[in-house]
């Protein structure tokens, strides 16, 4: 009888774990996606290089090479429990460089209302996509 109870308990535990795993990635906080889009104004033959990090992790250096069919670099994460997540990126293109915050929790509540922060990198600067007004707002120049 104890063996049957153990099997039942383990079955319930296994099913619960599978249900929780199938649920949303962020259990107690909001999930966000940051997308870096290499606009066609950057050209097809000079890749955009990006290195992004938070206070906890370095996401590494990536090359977005439009000539190779690459246009977007993105990652997802859960906002931290105190609601103060920050990610910054360093960008290099054609001898130019720029470093700034691409995500912070306060900014996200105003500009990433759908849970996605889309940065569009153009030859004249950096734009944040504003879904609400269906336009892109320029935030930084190279």
Protein backbone atom coordinates (compact mmCIF):
# COMPACT_ATOMS: atom_id res chain seq x y z
CA UNK A 1 0.00 0.00 0.00
CA UNK A 2 2.85 2.38 0.81
CA UNK A 3 4.30 1.57 -2.59
CA UNK A 4 1.08 2.67 -4.33
CA UNK A 5 0.98 5.91 -2.34
CA UNK A 6 4.61 6.59 -3.25
CA UNK A 7 3.85 5.98 -6.93
CA UNK A 8 0.81 8.25 -6.76
CA UNK A 9 2.79 10.98 -5.01
CA UNK A 10 5.62 10.75 -7.57
CA UNK A 11 3.11 10.83 -10.44
CA UNK A 12 1.47 13.98 -9.04
CA UNK A 13 4.87 15.57 -8.50
CA UNK A 14 5.94 14.74 -12.08
CA UNK A 15 2.70 16.11 -13.57
CA UNK A 16 2.95 19.28 -11.48
CA UNK A 17 6.51 19.86 -12.63
CA UNK A 18 5.46 19.45 -16.27
CA UNK A 19 2.51 21.86 -15.83
CA UNK A 20 4.71 24.49 -14.21
CA UNK A 21 7.33 24.08 -16.92
CA UNK A 22 4.65 24.61 -19.60
CA UNK A 23 3.44 27.82 -17.96
CA UNK A 24 4.83 31.27 -18.58
CA UNK A 25 8.58 31.66 -18.28
CA UNK A 26 8.31 34.40 -15.66
CA UNK A 27 6.26 33.22 -12.75
CA UNK A 28 6.17 36.28 -10.45
CA UNK A 29 7.55 39.03 -12.70
CA UNK A 30 7.02 40.35 -16.22
CA UNK A 31 8.80 38.85 -19.21
CA UNK A 32 10.44 41.20 -21.70
CA UNK A 33 12.08 40.82 -25.09
CA UNK A 34 14.73 43.25 -26.32
CA UNK A 35 15.24 43.29 -30.10
CA UNK A 36 18.05 45.05 -31.92
CA UNK A 37 17.19 45.50 -35.60
CA UNK A 38 19.85 46.34 -38.16
CA UNK A 39 18.10 48.69 -40.60
CA UNK A 40 18.82 48.58 -44.34
CA UNK A 41 20.36 52.07 -44.12
CA UNK A 42 23.43 50.37 -42.56
CA UNK A 43 24.05 48.59 -45.85
CA UNK A 44 24.57 44.91 -46.56
CA UNK A 45 28.35 44.63 -46.38
CA UNK A 46 29.34 46.20 -43.05
CA UNK A 47 27.99 44.23 -40.10
CA UNK A 48 26.69 45.88 -36.96
CA UNK A 49 28.52 44.57 -33.88
CA UNK A 50 26.68 44.54 -30.57
CA UNK A 51 27.68 43.54 -27.05
CA UNK A 52 24.95 43.57 -24.41
CA UNK A 53 24.96 42.89 -20.68
CA UNK A 54 23.13 43.38 -17.45
CA UNK A 55 24.61 43.64 -13.98
CA UNK A 56 24.43 39.85 -13.71
CA UNK A 57 25.33 38.52 -17.14
CA UNK A 58 27.28 39.39 -20.26
CA UNK A 59 25.34 38.26 -23.32
CA UNK A 60 28.48 38.34 -25.43
CA UNK A 61 29.44 40.10 -28.61
CA UNK A 62 27.31 39.49 -31.69
CA UNK A 63 27.66 40.50 -35.30
CA UNK A 64 24.45 41.29 -37.17
CA UNK A 65 25.46 40.74 -40.77
CA UNK A 66 22.72 41.71 -43.25
CA UNK A 67 24.79 40.22 -46.10
CA UNK A 68 24.41 36.82 -44.38
CA UNK A 69 20.64 37.35 -43.98
CA UNK A 70 20.83 38.44 -40.34
CA UNK A 71 18.79 41.45 -39.31
CA UNK A 72 17.83 40.96 -35.66
CA UNK A 73 19.53 40.09 -32.40
CA UNK A 74 17.16 39.48 -29.50
CA UNK A 75 16.91 38.02 -26.03
CA UNK A 76 14.19 37.40 -23.44
CA UNK A 77 14.41 37.74 -19.70
CA UNK A 78 12.33 38.08 -16.56
CA UNK A 79 12.32 41.39 -14.79
CA UNK A 80 13.99 41.08 -11.41
CA UNK A 81 11.86 40.89 -8.26
CA UNK A 82 12.42 44.48 -7.22
CA UNK A 83 11.49 45.79 -10.68
CA UNK A 84 14.84 47.41 -11.45
CA UNK A 85 16.27 45.39 -14.35
CA UNK A 86 18.82 47.14 -16.56
CA UNK A 87 20.48 46.04 -19.81
CA UNK A 88 22.93 48.10 -21.78
CA UNK A 89 24.55 47.54 -25.17
CA UNK A 90 27.67 48.77 -26.88
CA UNK A 91 27.34 49.16 -30.67
CA UNK A 92 30.06 49.39 -33.33
CA UNK A 93 29.58 50.17 -37.02
CA UNK A 94 31.83 51.77 -39.66
CA UNK A 95 34.35 53.09 -37.11
CA UNK A 96 31.59 54.56 -34.92
CA UNK A 97 30.58 53.36 -31.47
CA UNK A 98 27.83 54.07 -28.98
CA UNK A 99 26.91 52.64 -25.58
CA UNK A 100 23.60 53.14 -23.75
CA UNK A 101 20.84 51.44 -21.76
CA UNK A 102 18.51 49.51 -24.05
CA UNK A 103 16.29 48.46 -21.18
CA UNK A 104 15.45 49.63 -17.71
CA UNK A 105 12.25 48.84 -15.88
CA UNK A 106 10.98 52.44 -15.67
CA UNK A 107 11.59 53.00 -19.38
CA UNK A 108 9.92 49.69 -20.27
CA UNK A 109 6.67 50.63 -18.60
CA UNK A 110 6.41 53.64 -20.94
CA UNK A 111 7.97 52.38 -24.18
CA UNK A 112 7.69 48.56 -24.18
CA UNK A 113 4.03 48.19 -23.38
CA UNK A 114 3.64 44.93 -25.30
CA UNK A 115 6.62 43.40 -23.51
CA UNK A 116 8.97 44.00 -26.44
CA UNK A 117 11.51 46.80 -26.72
CA UNK A 118 12.49 47.19 -30.37
CA UNK A 119 15.59 49.27 -31.11
CA UNK A 120 16.13 50.12 -34.76
CA UNK A 121 19.73 50.96 -35.61
CA UNK A 122 20.07 53.24 -38.63
CA UNK A 123 23.01 55.02 -40.20
CA UNK A 124 22.02 58.27 -38.44
CA UNK A 125 21.26 56.84 -34.99
CA UNK A 126 19.14 54.70 -32.72
CA UNK A 127 15.36 54.62 -32.70
CA UNK A 128 12.87 53.04 -30.33
CA UNK A 129 9.77 51.65 -31.97
CA UNK A 130 6.60 53.16 -30.55
CA UNK A 131 3.80 50.65 -31.20
CA UNK A 132 1.13 52.91 -29.78
CA UNK A 133 1.69 55.63 -32.38
CA UNK A 134 3.09 53.32 -35.10
CA UNK A 135 6.28 55.30 -35.50
CA UNK A 136 9.90 55.22 -34.43
CA UNK A 137 11.34 57.89 -32.16
CA UNK A 138 15.02 58.79 -32.44
CA UNK A 139 16.77 58.59 -29.06
CA UNK A 140 20.50 58.65 -29.81
CA UNK A 141 22.87 59.59 -32.61
CA UNK A 142 26.09 57.77 -33.38
